Structures are given as structure tokens and as C-alpha cells.
Amino acid sequence: MRTAGTVPEPFPGLVIGYAYLWADEQDRGIEEGRKDRPSAIVAAVQSQDGVSKVAVMAITHVDPGPDGGVEIPSKD
């Protein structure tokens, strides 16, 4: 577990562990993600009071279907 002093500043592209709530889980009435999953920060802003707010997308090997997704290119 990280302590507050070792948490990096958020930036787009940073991969984090996040208890992501999938849409089908939400549809079943679940309110919180069940476990930390790899997720990528896609936007990060800092408010005037110094609070960071981020938007994340889950990283998965499953086809996102008609709702779409963003492919992470290989390093090649």
C-alpha cells in the first residue's frame, strides 16, 4: 500500500490501479468496483484549491463492443 507521500502526480497516460465499476455491474445495482484493475488516466486537472481531478478508462483485453474504446498500441 502506498502512503500519501509516494503517490505520483496524476497525468494522462499514467497507469494506476482503480476499483473500476463496469457498466454491466452498475446495471445490476452494484455501486462500487469489486477490485483494483489496471486503468489509464486520460485527463487530469487541478482545481484552484489544489485538488486533482482525473478521468480514467479501464484497460482490458475484452472487445469493448458497440460502446467503443481506445486501443493501446503495441510498443513495436
N, C-alpha and C. Protein backbone atom coordinates (compact mmCIF):
# COMPACT_ATOMS: atom_id res chain seq x y z
N MET A 1 0.84 -1.19 0.00
CA MET A 1 0.00 0.00 0.00
C MET A 1 0.88 1.25 0.00
N ARG A 2 0.53 2.21 -0.81
CA ARG A 2 1.30 3.44 -0.87
C ARG A 2 0.89 4.38 0.25
N THR A 3 1.82 5.19 0.67
CA THR A 3 1.49 6.24 1.63
C THR A 3 1.27 7.52 0.85
N ALA A 4 0.65 8.49 1.47
CA ALA A 4 0.31 9.74 0.79
C ALA A 4 1.54 10.40 0.17
N GLY A 5 2.70 10.24 0.77
CA GLY A 5 3.90 10.89 0.25
C GLY A 5 4.46 10.24 -1.01
N THR A 6 4.02 9.04 -1.37
CA THR A 6 4.58 8.36 -2.53
C THR A 6 3.62 8.29 -3.72
N VAL A 7 2.47 8.92 -3.61
CA VAL A 7 1.52 8.91 -4.71
C VAL A 7 1.99 9.91 -5.76
N PRO A 8 2.16 9.46 -7.03
CA PRO A 8 2.64 10.39 -8.05
C PRO A 8 1.57 11.39 -8.46
N GLU A 9 2.00 12.52 -8.97
CA GLU A 9 1.06 13.49 -9.53
C GLU A 9 0.38 12.83 -10.73
N PRO A 10 -0.94 12.96 -10.84
CA PRO A 10 -1.62 12.33 -11.98
C PRO A 10 -1.33 13.06 -13.28
N PHE A 11 -1.21 12.27 -14.36
CA PHE A 11 -1.04 12.85 -15.69
C PHE A 11 -1.61 11.88 -16.71
N PRO A 12 -2.09 12.38 -17.85
CA PRO A 12 -2.64 11.49 -18.87
C PRO A 12 -1.60 10.45 -19.31
N GLY A 13 -2.04 9.20 -19.35
CA GLY A 13 -1.16 8.10 -19.73
C GLY A 13 -0.65 7.30 -18.55
N LEU A 14 -0.74 7.84 -17.34
CA LEU A 14 -0.31 7.12 -16.15
C LEU A 14 -1.25 5.94 -15.91
N VAL A 15 -0.69 4.76 -15.73
CA VAL A 15 -1.49 3.57 -15.44
C VAL A 15 -1.54 3.40 -13.92
N ILE A 16 -2.75 3.25 -13.42
CA ILE A 16 -2.98 3.14 -11.98
C ILE A 16 -3.86 1.92 -11.69
N GLY A 17 -3.90 1.51 -10.45
CA GLY A 17 -4.87 0.52 -10.01
C GLY A 17 -6.11 1.27 -9.54
N TYR A 18 -7.28 0.89 -10.04
CA TYR A 18 -8.50 1.62 -9.71
C TYR A 18 -9.65 0.62 -9.63
N ALA A 19 -10.50 0.76 -8.64
CA ALA A 19 -11.66 -0.13 -8.50
C ALA A 19 -12.74 0.33 -9.47
N TYR A 20 -12.50 0.03 -10.74
CA TYR A 20 -13.36 0.48 -11.85
C TYR A 20 -14.70 -0.24 -11.79
N LEU A 21 -15.79 0.50 -11.94
CA LEU A 21 -17.13 -0.08 -11.96
C LEU A 21 -17.57 -0.20 -13.42
N TRP A 22 -17.69 -1.44 -13.89
CA TRP A 22 -18.11 -1.69 -15.27
C TRP A 22 -19.60 -1.37 -15.42
N ALA A 23 -20.01 -1.00 -16.63
CA ALA A 23 -21.41 -0.64 -16.89
C ALA A 23 -22.36 -1.78 -16.55
N ASP A 24 -21.98 -3.02 -16.87
CA ASP A 24 -22.88 -4.14 -16.57
C ASP A 24 -23.01 -4.36 -15.06
N GLU A 25 -21.95 -4.05 -14.31
CA GLU A 25 -22.03 -4.14 -12.85
C GLU A 25 -23.00 -3.08 -12.32
N GLN A 26 -22.88 -1.88 -12.85
CA GLN A 26 -23.77 -0.80 -12.44
C GLN A 26 -25.22 -1.14 -12.79
N ASP A 27 -25.44 -1.73 -13.96
CA ASP A 27 -26.79 -2.13 -14.37
C ASP A 27 -27.40 -3.15 -13.41
N ARG A 28 -26.53 -3.96 -12.77
CA ARG A 28 -27.01 -4.96 -11.81
C ARG A 28 -27.17 -4.38 -10.40
N GLY A 29 -26.95 -3.07 -10.25
CA GLY A 29 -27.16 -2.43 -8.96
C GLY A 29 -25.93 -2.35 -8.08
N ILE A 30 -24.78 -2.80 -8.59
CA ILE A 30 -23.54 -2.71 -7.82
C ILE A 30 -23.09 -1.25 -7.82
N GLU A 31 -22.64 -0.77 -6.68
CA GLU A 31 -22.29 0.64 -6.55
C GLU A 31 -20.79 0.93 -6.52
N GLU A 32 -19.97 -0.10 -6.28
CA GLU A 32 -18.52 0.11 -6.22
C GLU A 32 -17.82 -1.00 -6.99
N GLY A 33 -16.68 -0.67 -7.59
CA GLY A 33 -15.89 -1.69 -8.24
C GLY A 33 -15.45 -2.75 -7.25
N ARG A 34 -15.36 -3.98 -7.70
CA ARG A 34 -15.06 -5.10 -6.80
C ARG A 34 -13.58 -5.26 -6.49
N LYS A 35 -12.71 -4.84 -7.40
CA LYS A 35 -11.27 -4.97 -7.15
C LYS A 35 -10.53 -3.95 -8.02
N ASP A 36 -9.31 -3.66 -7.60
CA ASP A 36 -8.49 -2.75 -8.41
C ASP A 36 -8.15 -3.42 -9.73
N ARG A 37 -8.28 -2.65 -10.79
CA ARG A 37 -7.96 -3.11 -12.13
C ARG A 37 -7.03 -2.08 -12.77
N PRO A 38 -6.21 -2.51 -13.72
CA PRO A 38 -5.37 -1.51 -14.39
C PRO A 38 -6.25 -0.54 -15.16
N SER A 39 -5.98 0.74 -14.96
CA SER A 39 -6.73 1.80 -15.61
C SER A 39 -5.75 2.89 -16.01
N ALA A 40 -6.09 3.63 -17.06
CA ALA A 40 -5.23 4.70 -17.53
C ALA A 40 -5.90 6.04 -17.28
N ILE A 41 -5.13 6.98 -16.78
CA ILE A 41 -5.65 8.34 -16.63
C ILE A 41 -5.68 8.96 -18.03
N VAL A 42 -6.86 9.49 -18.42
CA VAL A 42 -6.99 10.11 -19.74
C VAL A 42 -7.10 11.63 -19.66
N ALA A 43 -7.39 12.14 -18.48
CA ALA A 43 -7.43 13.59 -18.27
C ALA A 43 -7.13 13.86 -16.81
N ALA A 44 -6.40 14.93 -16.56
CA ALA A 44 -6.08 15.32 -15.19
C ALA A 44 -6.04 16.84 -15.12
N VAL A 45 -6.79 17.39 -14.18
CA VAL A 45 -6.81 18.84 -13.97
C VAL A 45 -6.68 19.12 -12.48
N GLN A 46 -6.14 20.26 -12.18
CA GLN A 46 -6.01 20.66 -10.78
C GLN A 46 -6.85 21.91 -10.57
N SER A 47 -7.76 21.85 -9.61
CA SER A 47 -8.63 23.00 -9.34
C SER A 47 -7.83 24.09 -8.62
N GLN A 48 -8.44 25.25 -8.49
CA GLN A 48 -7.76 26.38 -7.85
C GLN A 48 -7.39 26.10 -6.41
N ASP A 49 -8.14 25.19 -5.75
CA ASP A 49 -7.82 24.86 -4.36
C ASP A 49 -6.80 23.74 -4.27
N GLY A 50 -6.22 23.33 -5.41
CA GLY A 50 -5.15 22.34 -5.40
C GLY A 50 -5.58 20.89 -5.46
N VAL A 51 -6.88 20.64 -5.60
CA VAL A 51 -7.38 19.27 -5.65
C VAL A 51 -7.28 18.76 -7.09
N SER A 52 -6.65 17.59 -7.26
CA SER A 52 -6.56 16.98 -8.58
C SER A 52 -7.82 16.19 -8.88
N LYS A 53 -8.33 16.33 -10.09
CA LYS A 53 -9.48 15.56 -10.55
C LYS A 53 -9.04 14.84 -11.82
N VAL A 54 -9.37 13.55 -11.90
CA VAL A 54 -8.93 12.77 -13.05
C VAL A 54 -10.10 12.01 -13.66
N ALA A 55 -9.97 11.69 -14.94
CA ALA A 55 -10.88 10.78 -15.64
C ALA A 55 -10.05 9.57 -16.03
N VAL A 56 -10.61 8.39 -15.81
CA VAL A 56 -9.88 7.15 -16.12
C VAL A 56 -10.68 6.26 -17.05
N MET A 57 -9.96 5.40 -17.76
CA MET A 57 -10.56 4.35 -18.58
C MET A 57 -9.92 3.04 -18.17
N ALA A 58 -10.74 2.02 -18.03
CA ALA A 58 -10.21 0.70 -17.68
C ALA A 58 -9.40 0.14 -18.83
N ILE A 59 -8.38 -0.63 -18.50
CA ILE A 59 -7.58 -1.34 -19.51
C ILE A 59 -8.04 -2.79 -19.46
N THR A 60 -8.42 -3.32 -20.61
CA THR A 60 -8.93 -4.68 -20.66
C THR A 60 -8.54 -5.35 -21.97
N HIS A 61 -8.57 -6.66 -21.99
CA HIS A 61 -8.30 -7.40 -23.22
C HIS A 61 -9.59 -7.75 -23.94
N VAL A 62 -10.73 -7.43 -23.34
CA VAL A 62 -12.04 -7.75 -23.90
C VAL A 62 -12.47 -6.67 -24.90
N ASP A 63 -13.02 -7.09 -26.03
CA ASP A 63 -13.54 -6.15 -27.02
C ASP A 63 -14.62 -5.28 -26.37
N PRO A 64 -14.54 -3.95 -26.51
CA PRO A 64 -15.50 -3.08 -25.83
C PRO A 64 -16.90 -3.12 -26.44
N GLY A 65 -17.06 -3.71 -27.60
CA GLY A 65 -18.37 -3.79 -28.21
C GLY A 65 -18.78 -2.47 -28.84
N PRO A 66 -20.09 -2.28 -29.01
CA PRO A 66 -20.57 -1.10 -29.73
C PRO A 66 -20.35 0.22 -29.00
N ASP A 67 -20.09 0.17 -27.70
CA ASP A 67 -19.86 1.41 -26.96
C ASP A 67 -18.49 2.01 -27.25
N GLY A 68 -17.62 1.23 -27.86
CA GLY A 68 -16.31 1.72 -28.27
C GLY A 68 -15.26 1.65 -27.18
N GLY A 69 -14.09 2.05 -27.55
CA GLY A 69 -12.95 2.03 -26.66
C GLY A 69 -11.76 2.62 -27.39
N VAL A 70 -10.64 2.64 -26.75
CA VAL A 70 -9.41 3.16 -27.33
C VAL A 70 -8.37 2.05 -27.30
N GLU A 71 -7.82 1.71 -28.44
CA GLU A 71 -6.79 0.67 -28.48
C GLU A 71 -5.47 1.24 -28.02
N ILE A 72 -4.80 0.49 -27.17
CA ILE A 72 -3.45 0.86 -26.75
C ILE A 72 -2.49 0.21 -27.73
N PRO A 73 -1.74 1.00 -28.49
CA PRO A 73 -0.84 0.40 -29.47
C PRO A 73 0.31 -0.35 -28.81
N SER A 74 0.81 -1.34 -29.52
CA SER A 74 1.96 -2.10 -29.01
C SER A 74 3.21 -1.22 -29.08
N LYS A 75 4.25 -1.65 -28.39
CA LYS A 75 5.49 -0.88 -28.39
C LYS A 75 6.28 -1.01 -29.68
N ASP A 76 5.91 -1.95 -30.54
CA ASP A 76 6.66 -2.18 -31.79
C ASP A 76 6.73 -0.97 -32.67
